[in-house]
Amino acid sequence: MLSKEEKDKEAILKYLPLVKSIAYRIYKHLPDAVDLNDLIGYGILAVVEALPKLDESKNPEAYLRLRIKGAMYDYLRSLDFGSKSLSKKREGNKSKA
């Protein structure tokens, strides 16, 4: 029987091509300030966090694709490339909506 760490490692290796594929697709539209390896890292974390809920009989790649993309986009939002004035302007527009 595999330990949790071994299961995590096995899942990472199994889904790493999916993580990299998604990361490359997102990365090519980003500024140079974003590191591809950071996107891949967040994608791997998403895989590990999704494992307890993953049902191998119900198209796990579709579920993981959503989780991986979500984690990568959350990371990119946390970077907030805009200036403070732009961020305030954006927040003001949100409150009006």
PDB file of N, CA and C in Angstrom:
ATOM      1  N   MET A   1       0.843  -1.189   0.000  1.00  0.00           N
ATOM      2  CA  MET A   1       0.000   0.000   0.000  1.00  0.00           C
ATOM      3  C   MET A   1       0.882   1.244   0.000  1.00  0.00           C
ATOM      4  N   LEU A   2       0.500   2.216  -0.824  1.00  0.00           N
ATOM      5  CA  LEU A   2       1.295   3.427  -0.967  1.00  0.00           C
ATOM      6  C   LEU A   2       0.959   4.436   0.125  1.00  0.00           C
ATOM      7  N   SER A   3       1.986   5.151   0.572  1.00  0.00           N
ATOM      8  CA  SER A   3       1.758   6.223   1.539  1.00  0.00           C
ATOM      9  C   SER A   3       1.182   7.432   0.801  1.00  0.00           C
ATOM     10  N   LYS A   4       0.709   8.421   1.555  1.00  0.00           N
ATOM     11  CA  LYS A   4       0.141   9.625   0.946  1.00  0.00           C
ATOM     12  C   LYS A   4       1.178  10.327   0.076  1.00  0.00           C
ATOM     13  N   GLU A   5       2.412  10.410   0.560  1.00  0.00           N
ATOM     14  CA  GLU A   5       3.474  11.072  -0.200  1.00  0.00           C
ATOM     15  C   GLU A   5       3.742  10.344  -1.519  1.00  0.00           C
ATOM     16  N   GLU A   6       3.729   9.028  -1.465  1.00  0.00           N
ATOM     17  CA  GLU A   6       3.958   8.248  -2.687  1.00  0.00           C
ATOM     18  C   GLU A   6       2.806   8.418  -3.675  1.00  0.00           C
ATOM     19  N   LYS A   7       1.571   8.466  -3.152  1.00  0.00           N
ATOM     20  CA  LYS A   7       0.408   8.687  -4.017  1.00  0.00           C
ATOM     21  C   LYS A   7       0.468  10.073  -4.658  1.00  0.00           C
ATOM     22  N   ASP A   8       0.854  11.075  -3.850  1.00  0.00           N
ATOM     23  CA  ASP A   8       0.985  12.434  -4.378  1.00  0.00           C
ATOM     24  C   ASP A   8       2.033  12.487  -5.480  1.00  0.00           C
ATOM     25  N   LYS A   9       3.168  11.855  -5.231  1.00  0.00           N
ATOM     26  CA  LYS A   9       4.254  11.857  -6.216  1.00  0.00           C
ATOM     27  C   LYS A   9       3.813  11.163  -7.506  1.00  0.00           C
ATOM     28  N   GLU A  10       3.117  10.058  -7.359  1.00  0.00           N
ATOM     29  CA  GLU A  10       2.619   9.309  -8.515  1.00  0.00           C
ATOM     30  C   GLU A  10       1.637  10.162  -9.331  1.00  0.00           C
ATOM     31  N   ALA A  11       0.744  10.864  -8.631  1.00  0.00           N
ATOM     32  CA  ALA A  11      -0.236  11.720  -9.313  1.00  0.00           C
ATOM     33  C   ALA A  11       0.447  12.897 -10.003  1.00  0.00           C
ATOM     34  N   ILE A  12       1.442  13.471  -9.345  1.00  0.00           N
ATOM     35  CA  ILE A  12       2.178  14.587  -9.950  1.00  0.00           C
ATOM     36  C   ILE A  12       2.827  14.135 -11.246  1.00  0.00           C
ATOM     37  N   LEU A  13       3.483  12.997 -11.211  1.00  0.00           N
ATOM     38  CA  LEU A  13       4.139  12.490 -12.423  1.00  0.00           C
ATOM     39  C   LEU A  13       3.117  12.162 -13.515  1.00  0.00           C
ATOM     40  N   LYS A  14       1.981  11.637 -13.112  1.00  0.00           N
ATOM     41  CA  LYS A  14       0.946  11.275 -14.081  1.00  0.00           C
ATOM     42  C   LYS A  14       0.347  12.508 -14.761  1.00  0.00           C
ATOM     43  N   TYR A  15       0.119  13.564 -13.977  1.00  0.00           N
ATOM     44  CA  TYR A  15      -0.571  14.739 -14.503  1.00  0.00           C
ATOM     45  C   TYR A  15       0.357  15.904 -14.841  1.00  0.00           C
ATOM     46  N   LEU A  16       1.657  15.729 -14.690  1.00  0.00           N
ATOM     47  CA  LEU A  16       2.599  16.803 -15.015  1.00  0.00           C
ATOM     48  C   LEU A  16       2.489  17.260 -16.471  1.00  0.00           C
ATOM     49  N   PRO A  17       2.340  16.363 -17.438  1.00  0.00           N
ATOM     50  CA  PRO A  17       2.167  16.845 -18.818  1.00  0.00           C
ATOM     51  C   PRO A  17       0.936  17.751 -18.980  1.00  0.00           C
ATOM     52  N   LEU A  18      -0.148  17.441 -18.290  1.00  0.00           N
ATOM     53  CA  LEU A  18      -1.345  18.280 -18.336  1.00  0.00           C
ATOM     54  C   LEU A  18      -1.056  19.650 -17.726  1.00  0.00           C
ATOM     55  N   VAL A  19      -0.394  19.663 -16.575  1.00  0.00           N
ATOM     56  CA  VAL A  19      -0.043  20.920 -15.910  1.00  0.00           C
ATOM     57  C   VAL A  19       0.826  21.778 -16.826  1.00  0.00           C
ATOM     58  N   LYS A  20       1.845  21.168 -17.419  1.00  0.00           N
ATOM     59  CA  LYS A  20       2.752  21.920 -18.294  1.00  0.00           C
ATOM     60  C   LYS A  20       2.027  22.447 -19.523  1.00  0.00           C
ATOM     61  N   SER A  21       1.157  21.652 -20.092  1.00  0.00           N
ATOM     62  CA  SER A  21       0.407  22.070 -21.272  1.00  0.00           C
ATOM     63  C   SER A  21      -0.436  23.310 -20.972  1.00  0.00           C
ATOM     64  N   ILE A  22      -1.132  23.292 -19.862  1.00  0.00           N
ATOM     65  CA  ILE A  22      -1.961  24.434 -19.468  1.00  0.00           C
ATOM     66  C   ILE A  22      -1.077  25.642 -19.176  1.00  0.00           C
ATOM     67  N   ALA A  23       0.019  25.420 -18.461  1.00  0.00           N
ATOM     68  CA  ALA A  23       0.926  26.517 -18.116  1.00  0.00           C
ATOM     69  C   ALA A  23       1.498  27.176 -19.371  1.00  0.00           C
ATOM     70  N   TYR A  24       1.926  26.389 -20.339  1.00  0.00           N
ATOM     71  CA  TYR A  24       2.483  26.945 -21.579  1.00  0.00           C
ATOM     72  C   TYR A  24       1.438  27.772 -22.321  1.00  0.00           C
ATOM     73  N   ARG A  25       0.213  27.282 -22.380  1.00  0.00           N
ATOM     74  CA  ARG A  25      -0.842  28.008 -23.090  1.00  0.00           C
ATOM     75  C   ARG A  25      -1.138  29.355 -22.435  1.00  0.00           C
ATOM     76  N   ILE A  26      -1.145  29.388 -21.117  1.00  0.00           N
ATOM     77  CA  ILE A  26      -1.399  30.639 -20.402  1.00  0.00           C
ATOM     78  C   ILE A  26      -0.181  31.557 -20.505  1.00  0.00           C
ATOM     79  N   TYR A  27       0.994  30.980 -20.346  1.00  0.00           N
ATOM     80  CA  TYR A  27       2.247  31.746 -20.289  1.00  0.00           C
ATOM     81  C   TYR A  27       2.510  32.560 -21.553  1.00  0.00           C
ATOM     82  N   LYS A  28       2.155  32.037 -22.702  1.00  0.00           N
ATOM     83  CA  LYS A  28       2.489  32.726 -23.949  1.00  0.00           C
ATOM     84  C   LYS A  28       1.734  34.046 -24.110  1.00  0.00           C
ATOM     85  N   HIS A  29       0.729  34.292 -23.281  1.00  0.00           N
ATOM     86  CA  HIS A  29      -0.038  35.538 -23.345  1.00  0.00           C
ATOM     87  C   HIS A  29       0.314  36.497 -22.202  1.00  0.00           C
ATOM     88  N   LEU A  30       1.362  36.197 -21.458  1.00  0.00           N
ATOM     89  CA  LEU A  30       1.686  36.976 -20.267  1.00  0.00           C
ATOM     90  C   LEU A  30       2.936  37.826 -20.463  1.00  0.00           C
ATOM     91  N   PRO A  31       3.094  38.864 -19.639  1.00  0.00           N
ATOM     92  CA  PRO A  31       4.320  39.663 -19.708  1.00  0.00           C
ATOM     93  C   PRO A  31       5.527  38.863 -19.216  1.00  0.00           C
ATOM     94  N   ASP A  32       6.707  39.354 -19.552  1.00  0.00           N
ATOM     95  CA  ASP A  32       7.946  38.664 -19.187  1.00  0.00           C
ATOM     96  C   ASP A  32       8.154  38.551 -17.678  1.00  0.00           C
ATOM     97  N   ALA A  33       7.472  39.365 -16.906  1.00  0.00           N
ATOM     98  CA  ALA A  33       7.650  39.349 -15.452  1.00  0.00           C
ATOM     99  C   ALA A  33       7.145  38.057 -14.813  1.00  0.00           C
ATOM    100  N   VAL A  34       6.321  37.324 -15.514  1.00  0.00           N
ATOM    101  CA  VAL A  34       5.762  36.077 -14.973  1.00  0.00           C
ATOM    102  C   VAL A  34       6.687  34.921 -15.329  1.00  0.00           C
ATOM    103  N   ASP A  35       6.959  34.083 -14.339  1.00  0.00           N
ATOM    104  CA  ASP A  35       7.841  32.933 -14.528  1.00  0.00           C
ATOM    105  C   ASP A  35       7.007  31.679 -14.819  1.00  0.00           C
ATOM    106  N   LEU A  36       7.370  30.991 -15.875  1.00  0.00           N
ATOM    107  CA  LEU A  36       6.668  29.760 -16.258  1.00  0.00           C
ATOM    108  C   LEU A  36       6.710  28.728 -15.135  1.00  0.00           C
ATOM    109  N   ASN A  37       7.836  28.618 -14.461  1.00  0.00           N
ATOM    110  CA  ASN A  37       7.965  27.626 -13.386  1.00  0.00           C
ATOM    111  C   ASN A  37       7.021  27.911 -12.223  1.00  0.00           C
ATOM    112  N   ASP A  38       6.708  29.188 -11.991  1.00  0.00           N
ATOM    113  CA  ASP A  38       5.730  29.514 -10.952  1.00  0.00           C
ATOM    114  C   ASP A  38       4.349  28.988 -11.334  1.00  0.00           C
ATOM    115  N   LEU A  39       3.979  29.174 -12.599  1.00  0.00           N
ATOM    116  CA  LEU A  39       2.687  28.649 -13.057  1.00  0.00           C
ATOM    117  C   LEU A  39       2.635  27.133 -12.896  1.00  0.00           C
ATOM    118  N   ILE A  40       3.704  26.467 -13.286  1.00  0.00           N
ATOM    119  CA  ILE A  40       3.759  25.006 -13.164  1.00  0.00           C
ATOM    120  C   ILE A  40       3.661  24.593 -11.697  1.00  0.00           C
ATOM    121  N   GLY A  41       4.349  25.312 -10.831  1.00  0.00           N
ATOM    122  CA  GLY A  41       4.300  25.012  -9.396  1.00  0.00           C
ATOM    123  C   GLY A  41       2.896  25.129  -8.823  1.00  0.00           C
ATOM    124  N   TYR A  42       2.197  26.193  -9.198  1.00  0.00           N
ATOM    125  CA  TYR A  42       0.819  26.356  -8.722  1.00  0.00           C
ATOM    126  C   TYR A  42      -0.096  25.285  -9.307  1.00  0.00           C
ATOM    127  N   GLY A  43       0.184  24.873 -10.526  1.00  0.00           N
ATOM    128  CA  GLY A  43      -0.586  23.789 -11.127  1.00  0.00           C
ATOM    129  C   GLY A  43      -0.387  22.475 -10.394  1.00  0.00           C
ATOM    130  N   ILE A  44       0.848  22.198 -10.014  1.00  0.00           N
ATOM    131  CA  ILE A  44       1.150  20.973  -9.261  1.00  0.00           C
ATOM    132  C   ILE A  44       0.454  20.999  -7.901  1.00  0.00           C
ATOM    133  N   LEU A  45       0.486  22.153  -7.241  1.00  0.00           N
ATOM    134  CA  LEU A  45      -0.212  22.271  -5.955  1.00  0.00           C
ATOM    135  C   LEU A  45      -1.710  22.009  -6.122  1.00  0.00           C
ATOM    136  N   ALA A  46      -2.270  22.490  -7.215  1.00  0.00           N
ATOM    137  CA  ALA A  46      -3.697  22.256  -7.471  1.00  0.00           C
ATOM    138  C   ALA A  46      -3.989  20.768  -7.629  1.00  0.00           C
ATOM    139  N   VAL A  47      -3.096  20.055  -8.296  1.00  0.00           N
ATOM    140  CA  VAL A  47      -3.277  18.605  -8.462  1.00  0.00           C
ATOM    141  C   VAL A  47      -3.271  17.924  -7.098  1.00  0.00           C
ATOM    142  N   VAL A  48      -2.293  18.254  -6.270  1.00  0.00           N
ATOM    143  CA  VAL A  48      -2.177  17.624  -4.948  1.00  0.00           C
ATOM    144  C   VAL A  48      -3.405  17.941  -4.089  1.00  0.00           C
ATOM    145  N   GLU A  49      -3.871  19.197  -4.142  1.00  0.00           N
ATOM    146  CA  GLU A  49      -5.039  19.574  -3.349  1.00  0.00           C
ATOM    147  C   GLU A  49      -6.320  18.905  -3.854  1.00  0.00           C
ATOM    148  N   ALA A  50      -6.375  18.602  -5.145  1.00  0.00           N
ATOM    149  CA  ALA A  50      -7.579  18.000  -5.725  1.00  0.00           C
ATOM    150  C   ALA A  50      -7.640  16.488  -5.536  1.00  0.00           C
ATOM    151  N   LEU A  51      -6.532  15.865  -5.202  1.00  0.00           N
ATOM    152  CA  LEU A  51      -6.487  14.399  -5.123  1.00  0.00           C
ATOM    153  C   LEU A  51      -7.551  13.775  -4.221  1.00  0.00           C
ATOM    154  N   PRO A  52      -7.807  14.315  -3.031  1.00  0.00           N
ATOM    155  CA  PRO A  52      -8.822  13.671  -2.185  1.00  0.00           C
ATOM    156  C   PRO A  52     -10.220  13.646  -2.808  1.00  0.00           C
ATOM    157  N   LYS A  53     -10.512  14.613  -3.680  1.00  0.00           N
ATOM    158  CA  LYS A  53     -11.841  14.693  -4.293  1.00  0.00           C
ATOM    159  C   LYS A  53     -11.887  14.041  -5.673  1.00  0.00           C
ATOM    160  N   LEU A  54     -10.766  13.570  -6.147  1.00  0.00           N
ATOM    161  CA  LEU A  54     -10.658  13.060  -7.509  1.00  0.00           C
ATOM    162  C   LEU A  54     -11.284  11.675  -7.633  1.00  0.00           C
ATOM    163  N   ASP A  55     -12.184  11.537  -8.587  1.00  0.00           N
ATOM    164  CA  ASP A  55     -12.818  10.255  -8.878  1.00  0.00           C
ATOM    165  C   ASP A  55     -12.301   9.787 -10.234  1.00  0.00           C
ATOM    166  N   GLU A  56     -11.447   8.785 -10.227  1.00  0.00           N
ATOM    167  CA  GLU A  56     -10.807   8.301 -11.454  1.00  0.00           C
ATOM    168  C   GLU A  56     -11.815   7.766 -12.475  1.00  0.00           C
ATOM    169  N   SER A  57     -13.010   7.426 -12.034  1.00  0.00           N
ATOM    170  CA  SER A  57     -14.003   6.877 -12.963  1.00  0.00           C
ATOM    171  C   SER A  57     -14.804   7.966 -13.685  1.00  0.00           C
ATOM    172  N   LYS A  58     -14.630   9.219 -13.275  1.00  0.00           N
ATOM    173  CA  LYS A  58     -15.439  10.313 -13.837  1.00  0.00           C
ATOM    174  C   LYS A  58     -14.585  11.369 -14.532  1.00  0.00           C
ATOM    175  N   ASN A  59     -13.778  10.986 -15.496  1.00  0.00           N
ATOM    176  CA  ASN A  59     -12.980  11.921 -16.285  1.00  0.00           C
ATOM    177  C   ASN A  59     -12.165  12.865 -15.397  1.00  0.00           C
ATOM    178  N   PRO A  60     -11.152  12.350 -14.723  1.00  0.00           N
ATOM    179  CA  PRO A  60     -10.377  13.168 -13.797  1.00  0.00           C
ATOM    180  C   PRO A  60      -9.652  14.333 -14.468  1.00  0.00           C
ATOM    181  N   GLU A  61      -9.287  14.180 -15.738  1.00  0.00           N
ATOM    182  CA  GLU A  61      -8.571  15.268 -16.416  1.00  0.00           C
ATOM    183  C   GLU A  61      -9.430  16.513 -16.555  1.00  0.00           C
ATOM    184  N   ALA A  62     -10.709  16.356 -16.795  1.00  0.00           N
ATOM    185  CA  ALA A  62     -11.594  17.516 -16.920  1.00  0.00           C
ATOM    186  C   ALA A  62     -11.657  18.277 -15.595  1.00  0.00           C
ATOM    187  N   TYR A  63     -11.803  17.543 -14.504  1.00  0.00           N
ATOM    188  CA  TYR A  63     -11.838  18.162 -13.180  1.00  0.00           C
ATOM    189  C   TYR A  63     -10.507  18.834 -12.867  1.00  0.00           C
ATOM    190  N   LEU A  64      -9.417  18.128 -13.123  1.00  0.00           N
ATOM    191  CA  LEU A  64      -8.100  18.691 -12.833  1.00  0.00           C
ATOM    192  C   LEU A  64      -7.801  19.904 -13.699  1.00  0.00           C
ATOM    193  N   ARG A  65      -8.228  19.872 -14.941  1.00  0.00           N
ATOM    194  CA  ARG A  65      -8.004  21.016 -15.835  1.00  0.00           C
ATOM    195  C   ARG A  65      -8.612  22.288 -15.223  1.00  0.00           C
ATOM    196  N   LEU A  66      -9.825  22.176 -14.697  1.00  0.00           N
ATOM    197  CA  LEU A  66     -10.468  23.328 -14.053  1.00  0.00           C
ATOM    198  C   LEU A  66      -9.695  23.784 -12.824  1.00  0.00           C
ATOM    199  N   ARG A  67      -9.294  22.835 -12.008  1.00  0.00           N
ATOM    200  CA  ARG A  67      -8.562  23.177 -10.783  1.00  0.00           C
ATOM    201  C   ARG A  67      -7.203  23.799 -11.084  1.00  0.00           C
ATOM    202  N   ILE A  68      -6.502  23.260 -12.070  1.00  0.00           N
ATOM    203  CA  ILE A  68      -5.175  23.759 -12.438  1.00  0.00           C
ATOM    204  C   ILE A  68      -5.282  25.177 -12.987  1.00  0.00           C
ATOM    205  N   LYS A  69      -6.196  25.382 -13.937  1.00  0.00           N
ATOM    206  CA  LYS A  69      -6.375  26.723 -14.504  1.00  0.00           C
ATOM    207  C   LYS A  69      -6.763  27.719 -13.415  1.00  0.00           C
ATOM    208  N   GLY A  70      -7.667  27.316 -12.547  1.00  0.00           N
ATOM    209  CA  GLY A  70      -8.097  28.198 -11.463  1.00  0.00           C
ATOM    210  C   GLY A  70      -6.945  28.606 -10.570  1.00  0.00           C
ATOM    211  N   ALA A  71      -6.092  27.661 -10.217  1.00  0.00           N
ATOM    212  CA  ALA A  71      -4.946  27.963  -9.357  1.00  0.00           C
ATOM    213  C   ALA A  71      -3.976  28.913 -10.055  1.00  0.00           C
ATOM    214  N   MET A  72      -3.756  28.696 -11.339  1.00  0.00           N
ATOM    215  CA  MET A  72      -2.839  29.562 -12.089  1.00  0.00           C
ATOM    216  C   MET A  72      -3.400  30.972 -12.220  1.00  0.00           C
ATOM    217  N   TYR A  73      -4.686  31.088 -12.518  1.00  0.00           N
ATOM    218  CA  TYR A  73      -5.292  32.418 -12.629  1.00  0.00           C
ATOM    219  C   TYR A  73      -5.354  33.121 -11.273  1.00  0.00           C
ATOM    220  N   ASP A  74      -5.595  32.387 -10.196  1.00  0.00           N
ATOM    221  CA  ASP A  74      -5.552  32.986  -8.858  1.00  0.00           C
ATOM    222  C   ASP A  74      -4.168  33.550  -8.573  1.00  0.00           C
ATOM    223  N   TYR A  75      -3.142  32.800  -8.930  1.00  0.00           N
ATOM    224  CA  TYR A  75      -1.766  33.271  -8.749  1.00  0.00           C
ATOM    225  C   TYR A  75      -1.533  34.551  -9.549  1.00  0.00           C
ATOM    226  N   LEU A  76      -1.964  34.564 -10.795  1.00  0.00           N
ATOM    227  CA  LEU A  76      -1.759  35.750 -11.633  1.00  0.00           C
ATOM    228  C   LEU A  76      -2.509  36.956 -11.078  1.00  0.00           C
ATOM    229  N   ARG A  77      -3.713  36.748 -10.570  1.00  0.00           N
ATOM    230  CA  ARG A  77      -4.453  37.859  -9.958  1.00  0.00           C
ATOM    231  C   ARG A  77      -3.723  38.392  -8.735  1.00  0.00           C
ATOM    232  N   SER A  78      -3.055  37.518  -8.015  1.00  0.00           N
ATOM    233  CA  SER A  78      -2.340  37.956  -6.812  1.00  0.00           C
ATOM    234  C   SER A  78      -1.141  38.836  -7.146  1.00  0.00           C
ATOM    235  N   LEU A  79      -0.638  38.740  -8.377  1.00  0.00           N
ATOM    236  CA  LEU A  79       0.509  39.554  -8.778  1.00  0.00           C
ATOM    237  C   LEU A  79       0.118  41.006  -8.990  1.00  0.00           C
ATOM    238  N   ASP A  80      -1.105  41.265  -9.434  1.00  0.00           N
ATOM    239  CA  ASP A  80      -1.638  42.607  -9.648  1.00  0.00           C
ATOM    240  C   ASP A  80      -0.627  43.508 -10.347  1.00  0.00           C
ATOM    241  N   PHE A  81      -0.542  43.381 -11.664  1.00  0.00           N
ATOM    242  CA  PHE A  81       0.433  44.123 -12.447  1.00  0.00           C
ATOM    243  C   PHE A  81       0.160  45.617 -12.525  1.00  0.00           C
ATOM    244  N   GLY A  82      -1.055  46.030 -12.266  1.00  0.00           N
ATOM    245  CA  GLY A  82      -1.398  47.438 -12.394  1.00  0.00           C
ATOM    246  C   GLY A  82      -0.858  48.272 -11.251  1.00  0.00           C
ATOM    247  N   SER A  83      -0.820  49.574 -11.461  1.00  0.00           N
ATOM    248  CA  SER A  83      -0.381  50.494 -10.418  1.00  0.00           C
ATOM    249  C   SER A  83      -1.460  50.584  -9.343  1.00  0.00           C
ATOM    250  N   LYS A  84      -1.128  51.241  -8.229  1.00  0.00           N
ATOM    251  CA  LYS A  84      -2.106  51.388  -7.157  1.00  0.00           C
ATOM    252  C   LYS A  84      -3.299  52.215  -7.619  1.00  0.00           C
ATOM    253  N   SER A  85      -3.033  53.267  -8.400  1.00  0.00           N
ATOM    254  CA  SER A  85      -4.146  54.102  -8.862  1.00  0.00           C
ATOM    255  C   SER A  85      -5.064  53.309  -9.789  1.00  0.00           C
ATOM    256  N   LEU A  86      -4.490  52.462 -10.616  1.00  0.00           N
ATOM    257  CA  LEU A  86      -5.293  51.631 -11.506  1.00  0.00           C
ATOM    258  C   LEU A  86      -6.114  50.632 -10.697  1.00  0.00           C
ATOM    259  N   SER A  87      -5.510  50.070  -9.656  1.00  0.00           N
ATOM    260  CA  SER A  87      -6.228  49.122  -8.804  1.00  0.00           C
ATOM    261  C   SER A  87      -7.400  49.798  -8.107  1.00  0.00           C
ATOM    262  N   LYS A  88      -7.175  51.020  -7.605  1.00  0.00           N
ATOM    263  CA  LYS A  88      -8.254  51.752  -6.937  1.00  0.00           C
ATOM    264  C   LYS A  88      -9.373  52.069  -7.914  1.00  0.00           C
ATOM    265  N   LYS A  89      -8.991  52.441  -9.133  1.00  0.00           N
ATOM    266  CA  LYS A  89      -9.977  52.755 -10.157  1.00  0.00           C
ATOM    267  C   LYS A  89     -10.817  51.512 -10.476  1.00  0.00           C
ATOM    268  N   ARG A  90     -10.145  50.371 -10.585  1.00  0.00           N
ATOM    269  CA  ARG A  90     -10.827  49.112 -10.875  1.00  0.00           C
ATOM    270  C   ARG A  90     -11.794  48.758  -9.747  1.00  0.00           C
ATOM    271  N   GLU A  91     -11.349  48.941  -8.510  1.00  0.00           N
ATOM    272  CA  GLU A  91     -12.206  48.616  -7.367  1.00  0.00           C
ATOM    273  C   GLU A  91     -13.402  49.551  -7.304  1.00  0.00           C
ATOM    274  N   GLY A  92     -13.191  50.819  -7.666  1.00  0.00           N
ATOM    275  CA  GLY A  92     -14.293  51.774  -7.707  1.00  0.00           C
ATOM    276  C   GLY A  92     -15.332  51.373  -8.724  1.00  0.00           C
ATOM    277  N   ASN A  93     -14.882  50.884  -9.859  1.00  0.00           N
ATOM    278  CA  ASN A  93     -15.805  50.430 -10.903  1.00  0.00           C
ATOM    279  C   ASN A  93     -16.580  49.198 -10.456  1.00  0.00           C
ATOM    280  N   LYS A  94     -15.940  48.334  -9.677  1.00  0.00           N
ATOM    281  CA  LYS A  94     -16.622  47.133  -9.182  1.00  0.00           C
ATOM    282  C   LYS A  94     -17.760  47.507  -8.241  1.00  0.00           C
ATOM    283  N   SER A  95     -17.517  48.511  -7.383  1.00  0.00           N
ATOM    284  CA  SER A  95     -18.535  48.874  -6.407  1.00  0.00           C
ATOM    285  C   SER A  95     -19.733  49.552  -7.070  1.00  0.00           C
ATOM    286  N   LYS A  96     -19.513  50.183  -8.224  1.00  0.00           N
ATOM    287  CA  LYS A  96     -20.608  50.826  -8.952  1.00  0.00           C
ATOM    288  C   LYS A  96     -21.484  49.811  -9.671  1.00  0.00           C
ATOM    289  N   ALA A  97     -20.894  48.673  -9.997  1.00  0.00           N
ATOM    290  CA  ALA A  97     -21.626  47.663 -10.790  1.00  0.00           C
ATOM    291  C   ALA A  97     -22.645  46.920  -9.980  1.00  0.00           C
TER     292      ALA A  97
END
